[in-house]
Amino acid sequence: MAVTRRSYSRATETERREDLIAATLDCIAEAGIQGATVRQIAARAGVTGGLIRHYFATKDQMLQAAYRQLMDGITEITKTAAEGADPKTRLRRFIVANVTPPVTDSRTLSLWAAFISHIPLDPAFAAIHRESYVSFLAELETLLIAFFAERGRIVSRQECRAYAIAVNGLIDGLWLEGTLAPDLFKNEELSETAIASVEAMLRLPPGELC
């Protein structure tokens, strides 16, 4: 589906930069990082290469901004899903949001696969990945602490961190399988599997998070 761009005569500096990042993500999703040339990105955004250089000195800077926006967008979706309600409901919603659309879709997978190969090679990408991972763990730890506190269960910070790391690993695996082959799973099968697995990890009675 074509992305409608704002009129650049009326757009603010921030909006122009956001549109360029959106165009970058569109091109990467379709052609990969190597195939997403500055010329193609400019054409997708409806601007000149010179305007791109006004916001990004190099293509690498533009790619880094796009990767950050991708990861921030996923984090925002899952955090928003967990807002409000009681600690148990927030934890359950957070888990489910990570293994269901729009987090699990083919476009997200294409972008993730394109960017992930850059992490071992580019310190800037590695820093963005690290920041995103630390933020995810912190959010999950906060949810777990509130959940345990509500039940009067004393859990140390170290133990809670270990739980968060394990749950993150579980979510990553289910997200990857659900995105690669969604037709293999029935409706809500992945989310139900995630909830049951987290209950086992946290040593909870079956159905405690339902």
C-alpha atoms as a PDB file:
ATOM      1  CA  MET A   1       0.000   0.000   0.000  1.00  0.00           C
ATOM      2  CA  ALA A   2       1.387   3.387  -0.927  1.00  0.00           C
ATOM      3  CA  VAL A   3       2.268   5.735   1.893  1.00  0.00           C
ATOM      4  CA  THR A   4       0.807   9.219   1.591  1.00  0.00           C
ATOM      5  CA  ARG A   5       3.410  11.872   2.325  1.00  0.00           C
ATOM      6  CA  ARG A   6       2.708  15.297   3.727  1.00  0.00           C
ATOM      7  CA  SER A   7       3.053  18.408   1.602  1.00  0.00           C
ATOM      8  CA  TYR A   8       6.628  19.483   2.217  1.00  0.00           C
ATOM      9  CA  SER A   9       5.725  23.147   1.877  1.00  0.00           C
ATOM     10  CA  ARG A  10       3.588  22.868   4.999  1.00  0.00           C
ATOM     11  CA  ALA A  11       5.434  20.194   6.979  1.00  0.00           C
ATOM     12  CA  THR A  12       7.498  21.081   9.998  1.00  0.00           C
ATOM     13  CA  GLU A  13      11.148  20.085  10.334  1.00  0.00           C
ATOM     14  CA  THR A  14      10.154  17.203  12.617  1.00  0.00           C
ATOM     15  CA  GLU A  15       7.446  15.998  10.236  1.00  0.00           C
ATOM     16  CA  ARG A  16       9.834  16.086   7.279  1.00  0.00           C
ATOM     17  CA  ARG A  17      12.376  14.017   9.166  1.00  0.00           C
ATOM     18  CA  GLU A  18       9.691  11.515  10.218  1.00  0.00           C
ATOM     19  CA  ASP A  19       8.492  11.174   6.628  1.00  0.00           C
ATOM     20  CA  LEU A  20      12.020  10.492   5.414  1.00  0.00           C
ATOM     21  CA  ILE A  21      12.435   7.792   8.064  1.00  0.00           C
ATOM     22  CA  ALA A  22       9.082   6.280   7.069  1.00  0.00           C
ATOM     23  CA  ALA A  23      10.181   6.220   3.422  1.00  0.00           C
ATOM     24  CA  THR A  24      13.444   4.571   4.465  1.00  0.00           C
ATOM     25  CA  LEU A  25      11.567   1.837   6.317  1.00  0.00           C
ATOM     26  CA  ASP A  26       9.250   1.288   3.349  1.00  0.00           C
ATOM     27  CA  CYS A  27      12.190   0.851   0.965  1.00  0.00           C
ATOM     28  CA  ILE A  28      14.090  -1.443   3.326  1.00  0.00           C
ATOM     29  CA  ALA A  29      10.999  -3.619   3.846  1.00  0.00           C
ATOM     30  CA  GLU A  30      10.673  -4.029   0.091  1.00  0.00           C
ATOM     31  CA  ALA A  31      14.303  -4.229  -1.079  1.00  0.00           C
ATOM     32  CA  GLY A  32      16.535  -4.729   1.964  1.00  0.00           C
ATOM     33  CA  ILE A  33      19.216  -2.346   3.143  1.00  0.00           C
ATOM     34  CA  GLN A  34      21.418  -2.681   0.064  1.00  0.00           C
ATOM     35  CA  GLY A  35      18.470  -2.210  -2.259  1.00  0.00           C
ATOM     36  CA  ALA A  36      17.189   0.850  -0.405  1.00  0.00           C
ATOM     37  CA  THR A  37      19.260   3.514  -2.132  1.00  0.00           C
ATOM     38  CA  VAL A  38      19.147   7.198  -1.274  1.00  0.00           C
ATOM     39  CA  ARG A  39      17.642   7.834  -4.717  1.00  0.00           C
ATOM     40  CA  GLN A  40      14.842   5.332  -4.103  1.00  0.00           C
ATOM     41  CA  ILE A  41      14.163   6.716  -0.646  1.00  0.00           C
ATOM     42  CA  ALA A  42      13.994  10.247  -2.029  1.00  0.00           C
ATOM     43  CA  ALA A  43      11.589   9.123  -4.752  1.00  0.00           C
ATOM     44  CA  ARG A  44       9.393   7.331  -2.213  1.00  0.00           C
ATOM     45  CA  ALA A  45       9.290  10.428  -0.012  1.00  0.00           C
ATOM     46  CA  GLY A  46       8.753  12.736  -3.000  1.00  0.00           C
ATOM     47  CA  VAL A  47      11.823  14.849  -2.275  1.00  0.00           C
ATOM     48  CA  THR A  48      15.281  15.483  -3.681  1.00  0.00           C
ATOM     49  CA  GLY A  49      18.491  13.866  -2.541  1.00  0.00           C
ATOM     50  CA  GLY A  50      19.653  17.283  -1.442  1.00  0.00           C
ATOM     51  CA  LEU A  51      16.804  17.573   1.041  1.00  0.00           C
ATOM     52  CA  ILE A  52      17.696  14.186   2.508  1.00  0.00           C
ATOM     53  CA  ARG A  53      21.250  15.412   3.071  1.00  0.00           C
ATOM     54  CA  HIS A  54      19.821  18.370   4.971  1.00  0.00           C
ATOM     55  CA  TYR A  55      18.531  15.945   7.616  1.00  0.00           C
ATOM     56  CA  PHE A  56      21.001  13.067   7.347  1.00  0.00           C
ATOM     57  CA  ALA A  57      24.661  13.589   6.471  1.00  0.00           C
ATOM     58  CA  THR A  58      25.043   9.942   5.420  1.00  0.00           C
ATOM     59  CA  LYS A  59      22.906   6.969   4.505  1.00  0.00           C
ATOM     60  CA  ASP A  60      24.149   5.224   7.661  1.00  0.00           C
ATOM     61  CA  GLN A  61      22.662   7.987   9.800  1.00  0.00           C
ATOM     62  CA  MET A  62      19.340   7.554   8.044  1.00  0.00           C
ATOM     63  CA  LEU A  63      19.450   3.779   8.546  1.00  0.00           C
ATOM     64  CA  GLN A  64      20.251   4.206  12.224  1.00  0.00           C
ATOM     65  CA  ALA A  65      17.315   6.573  12.673  1.00  0.00           C
ATOM     66  CA  ALA A  66      15.055   4.093  10.888  1.00  0.00           C
ATOM     67  CA  TYR A  67      16.207   1.201  13.082  1.00  0.00           C
ATOM     68  CA  ARG A  68      15.646   3.251  16.220  1.00  0.00           C
ATOM     69  CA  GLN A  69      12.151   4.173  15.087  1.00  0.00           C
ATOM     70  CA  LEU A  70      11.331   0.530  14.342  1.00  0.00           C
ATOM     71  CA  MET A  71      12.414  -0.609  17.802  1.00  0.00           C
ATOM     72  CA  ASP A  72      10.812   2.358  19.558  1.00  0.00           C
ATOM     73  CA  GLY A  73       7.565   1.655  17.706  1.00  0.00           C
ATOM     74  CA  ILE A  74       7.461  -1.962  18.853  1.00  0.00           C
ATOM     75  CA  THR A  75       8.239  -0.930  22.423  1.00  0.00           C
ATOM     76  CA  GLU A  76       5.501   1.698  22.350  1.00  0.00           C
ATOM     77  CA  ILE A  77       2.905  -0.801  21.096  1.00  0.00           C
ATOM     78  CA  THR A  78       3.646  -3.283  23.866  1.00  0.00           C
ATOM     79  CA  LYS A  79       3.890  -0.633  26.601  1.00  0.00           C
ATOM     80  CA  THR A  80       0.591   0.930  25.537  1.00  0.00           C
ATOM     81  CA  ALA A  81      -1.086  -2.474  25.589  1.00  0.00           C
ATOM     82  CA  ALA A  82      -0.021  -2.886  29.222  1.00  0.00           C
ATOM     83  CA  GLU A  83      -1.276   0.471  30.464  1.00  0.00           C
ATOM     84  CA  GLY A  84      -3.920   0.708  33.172  1.00  0.00           C
ATOM     85  CA  ALA A  85      -5.735  -2.161  34.850  1.00  0.00           C
ATOM     86  CA  ASP A  86      -4.292  -4.338  37.618  1.00  0.00           C
ATOM     87  CA  PRO A  87      -0.737  -5.801  37.665  1.00  0.00           C
ATOM     88  CA  LYS A  88      -1.840  -9.237  36.449  1.00  0.00           C
ATOM     89  CA  THR A  89      -3.771  -7.807  33.520  1.00  0.00           C
ATOM     90  CA  ARG A  90      -0.908  -5.485  32.571  1.00  0.00           C
ATOM     91  CA  LEU A  91       1.574  -8.366  32.564  1.00  0.00           C
ATOM     92  CA  ARG A  92      -0.733 -10.564  30.492  1.00  0.00           C
ATOM     93  CA  ARG A  93      -1.432  -7.810  27.973  1.00  0.00           C
ATOM     94  CA  PHE A  94       2.262  -7.071  27.619  1.00  0.00           C
ATOM     95  CA  ILE A  95       3.056 -10.712  26.863  1.00  0.00           C
ATOM     96  CA  VAL A  96       0.192 -11.104  24.402  1.00  0.00           C
ATOM     97  CA  ALA A  97       1.044  -7.864  22.571  1.00  0.00           C
ATOM     98  CA  ASN A  98       4.540  -9.179  21.863  1.00  0.00           C
ATOM     99  CA  VAL A  99       3.304 -12.315  20.081  1.00  0.00           C
ATOM    100  CA  THR A 100       0.331 -10.933  18.144  1.00  0.00           C
ATOM    101  CA  PRO A 101      -0.152  -8.401  15.316  1.00  0.00           C
ATOM    102  CA  PRO A 102       0.955  -5.716  14.620  1.00  0.00           C
ATOM    103  CA  VAL A 103       4.199  -6.782  16.317  1.00  0.00           C
ATOM    104  CA  THR A 104       4.059 -10.151  14.545  1.00  0.00           C
ATOM    105  CA  ASP A 105       3.688  -9.290  10.887  1.00  0.00           C
ATOM    106  CA  SER A 106       5.732  -9.874   7.762  1.00  0.00           C
ATOM    107  CA  ARG A 107       6.833  -6.240   7.392  1.00  0.00           C
ATOM    108  CA  THR A 108       8.239  -6.120  10.915  1.00  0.00           C
ATOM    109  CA  LEU A 109      10.103  -9.369  10.261  1.00  0.00           C
ATOM    110  CA  SER A 110      11.546  -8.068   6.976  1.00  0.00           C
ATOM    111  CA  LEU A 111      12.800  -4.924   8.672  1.00  0.00           C
ATOM    112  CA  TRP A 112      14.187  -6.800  11.670  1.00  0.00           C
ATOM    113  CA  ALA A 113      16.016  -9.282   9.425  1.00  0.00           C
ATOM    114  CA  ALA A 114      17.497  -6.462   7.363  1.00  0.00           C
ATOM    115  CA  PHE A 115      18.745  -4.541  10.382  1.00  0.00           C
ATOM    116  CA  ILE A 116      19.929  -7.431  12.569  1.00  0.00           C
ATOM    117  CA  SER A 117      22.909  -8.226  10.326  1.00  0.00           C
ATOM    118  CA  HIS A 118      24.271  -4.728  10.958  1.00  0.00           C
ATOM    119  CA  ILE A 119      24.435  -5.089  14.738  1.00  0.00           C
ATOM    120  CA  PRO A 120      27.745  -7.026  14.897  1.00  0.00           C
ATOM    121  CA  LEU A 121      29.294  -4.736  12.265  1.00  0.00           C
ATOM    122  CA  ASP A 122      28.192  -1.242  13.248  1.00  0.00           C
ATOM    123  CA  PRO A 123      28.710   0.116  16.787  1.00  0.00           C
ATOM    124  CA  ALA A 124      25.856   2.589  16.301  1.00  0.00           C
ATOM    125  CA  PHE A 125      23.420  -0.214  15.491  1.00  0.00           C
ATOM    126  CA  ALA A 126      24.757  -2.236  18.415  1.00  0.00           C
ATOM    127  CA  ALA A 127      24.144   0.713  20.738  1.00  0.00           C
ATOM    128  CA  ILE A 128      20.558   1.111  19.518  1.00  0.00           C
ATOM    129  CA  HIS A 129      19.944  -2.615  19.973  1.00  0.00           C
ATOM    130  CA  ARG A 130      21.403  -2.553  23.463  1.00  0.00           C
ATOM    131  CA  GLU A 131      19.303   0.457  24.425  1.00  0.00           C
ATOM    132  CA  SER A 132      16.140  -1.220  23.134  1.00  0.00           C
ATOM    133  CA  TYR A 133      16.909  -4.490  24.924  1.00  0.00           C
ATOM    134  CA  VAL A 134      17.652  -2.756  28.226  1.00  0.00           C
ATOM    135  CA  SER A 135      14.438  -0.737  27.923  1.00  0.00           C
ATOM    136  CA  PHE A 136      12.412  -3.889  27.250  1.00  0.00           C
ATOM    137  CA  LEU A 137      13.915  -5.684  30.239  1.00  0.00           C
ATOM    138  CA  ALA A 138      13.281  -2.684  32.485  1.00  0.00           C
ATOM    139  CA  GLU A 139       9.628  -2.542  31.439  1.00  0.00           C
ATOM    140  CA  LEU A 140       9.200  -6.264  31.990  1.00  0.00           C
ATOM    141  CA  GLU A 141      10.936  -6.145  35.368  1.00  0.00           C
ATOM    142  CA  THR A 142       8.609  -3.327  36.453  1.00  0.00           C
ATOM    143  CA  LEU A 143       5.570  -5.385  35.471  1.00  0.00           C
ATOM    144  CA  LEU A 144       6.891  -8.456  37.269  1.00  0.00           C
ATOM    145  CA  ILE A 145       7.717  -6.566  40.469  1.00  0.00           C
ATOM    146  CA  ALA A 146       4.184  -5.127  40.600  1.00  0.00           C
ATOM    147  CA  PHE A 147       2.684  -8.535  39.863  1.00  0.00           C
ATOM    148  CA  PHE A 148       4.642 -10.283  42.626  1.00  0.00           C
ATOM    149  CA  ALA A 149       4.023  -7.461  45.095  1.00  0.00           C
ATOM    150  CA  GLU A 150       0.276  -7.722  44.566  1.00  0.00           C
ATOM    151  CA  ARG A 151       0.499 -11.380  45.554  1.00  0.00           C
ATOM    152  CA  GLY A 152       2.736 -10.749  48.539  1.00  0.00           C
ATOM    153  CA  ARG A 153       5.521 -12.790  46.981  1.00  0.00           C
ATOM    154  CA  ILE A 154       8.989 -11.491  47.806  1.00  0.00           C
ATOM    155  CA  VAL A 155      11.283 -11.580  44.776  1.00  0.00           C
ATOM    156  CA  SER A 156      14.754 -10.018  44.746  1.00  0.00           C
ATOM    157  CA  ARG A 157      15.840  -7.652  41.977  1.00  0.00           C
ATOM    158  CA  GLN A 158      18.336 -10.230  40.771  1.00  0.00           C
ATOM    159  CA  GLU A 159      15.686 -12.950  40.608  1.00  0.00           C
ATOM    160  CA  CYS A 160      13.262 -10.612  38.851  1.00  0.00           C
ATOM    161  CA  ARG A 161      15.929  -9.721  36.292  1.00  0.00           C
ATOM    162  CA  ALA A 162      16.546 -13.412  35.642  1.00  0.00           C
ATOM    163  CA  TYR A 163      12.814 -13.920  35.092  1.00  0.00           C
ATOM    164  CA  ALA A 164      12.704 -10.961  32.704  1.00  0.00           C
ATOM    165  CA  ILE A 165      15.611 -12.318  30.643  1.00  0.00           C
ATOM    166  CA  ALA A 166      13.976 -15.741  30.420  1.00  0.00           C
ATOM    167  CA  VAL A 167      10.564 -14.356  29.483  1.00  0.00           C
ATOM    168  CA  ASN A 168      12.168 -12.147  26.836  1.00  0.00           C
ATOM    169  CA  GLY A 169      13.875 -15.183  25.320  1.00  0.00           C
ATOM    170  CA  LEU A 170      10.561 -17.044  25.243  1.00  0.00           C
ATOM    171  CA  ILE A 171       8.783 -14.103  23.619  1.00  0.00           C
ATOM    172  CA  ASP A 172      11.520 -13.720  20.996  1.00  0.00           C
ATOM    173  CA  GLY A 173      11.218 -17.361  19.989  1.00  0.00           C
ATOM    174  CA  LEU A 174       7.432 -17.337  19.723  1.00  0.00           C
ATOM    175  CA  TRP A 175       7.492 -14.001  17.896  1.00  0.00           C
ATOM    176  CA  LEU A 176       9.906 -15.358  15.304  1.00  0.00           C
ATOM    177  CA  GLU A 177       7.950 -18.563  14.697  1.00  0.00           C
ATOM    178  CA  GLY A 178       4.626 -16.749  14.604  1.00  0.00           C
ATOM    179  CA  THR A 179       5.943 -14.233  12.103  1.00  0.00           C
ATOM    180  CA  LEU A 180       7.703 -16.724   9.851  1.00  0.00           C
ATOM    181  CA  ALA A 181       4.827 -19.213   9.653  1.00  0.00           C
ATOM    182  CA  PRO A 182       1.607 -17.691  11.010  1.00  0.00           C
ATOM    183  CA  ASP A 183      -0.539 -20.212   9.141  1.00  0.00           C
ATOM    184  CA  LEU A 184       0.785 -23.019  11.355  1.00  0.00           C
ATOM    185  CA  PHE A 185      -0.934 -21.639  14.439  1.00  0.00           C
ATOM    186  CA  LYS A 186      -4.590 -21.448  15.352  1.00  0.00           C
ATOM    187  CA  ASN A 187      -6.184 -18.234  16.572  1.00  0.00           C
ATOM    188  CA  GLU A 188      -4.677 -17.216  19.924  1.00  0.00           C
ATOM    189  CA  GLU A 189      -2.517 -20.365  20.023  1.00  0.00           C
ATOM    190  CA  LEU A 190       0.719 -18.411  20.295  1.00  0.00           C
ATOM    191  CA  SER A 191      -0.578 -16.043  22.960  1.00  0.00           C
ATOM    192  CA  GLU A 192      -2.025 -18.925  24.972  1.00  0.00           C
ATOM    193  CA  THR A 193       1.271 -20.806  24.674  1.00  0.00           C
ATOM    194  CA  ALA A 194       3.167 -17.707  25.773  1.00  0.00           C
ATOM    195  CA  ILE A 195       0.952 -17.219  28.832  1.00  0.00           C
ATOM    196  CA  ALA A 196       1.162 -20.879  29.867  1.00  0.00           C
ATOM    197  CA  SER A 197       4.938 -20.891  29.424  1.00  0.00           C
ATOM    198  CA  VAL A 198       5.391 -17.698  31.450  1.00  0.00           C
ATOM    199  CA  GLU A 199       3.246 -19.167  34.222  1.00  0.00           C
ATOM    200  CA  ALA A 200       5.569 -22.179  34.334  1.00  0.00           C
ATOM    201  CA  MET A 201       8.660 -19.954  34.346  1.00  0.00           C
ATOM    202  CA  LEU A 202       7.319 -17.887  37.230  1.00  0.00           C
ATOM    203  CA  ARG A 203       6.224 -21.001  39.133  1.00  0.00           C
ATOM    204  CA  LEU A 204       2.561 -19.985  39.036  1.00  0.00           C
ATOM    205  CA  PRO A 205      -0.493 -22.255  39.064  1.00  0.00           C
ATOM    206  CA  PRO A 206      -1.816 -22.974  35.556  1.00  0.00           C
ATOM    207  CA  GLY A 207      -4.320 -20.315  34.532  1.00  0.00           C
ATOM    208  CA  GLU A 208      -3.017 -17.739  37.019  1.00  0.00           C
ATOM    209  CA  LEU A 209      -2.423 -15.148  34.300  1.00  0.00           C
ATOM    210  CA  CYS A 210      -5.688 -15.810  32.474  1.00  0.00           C
END
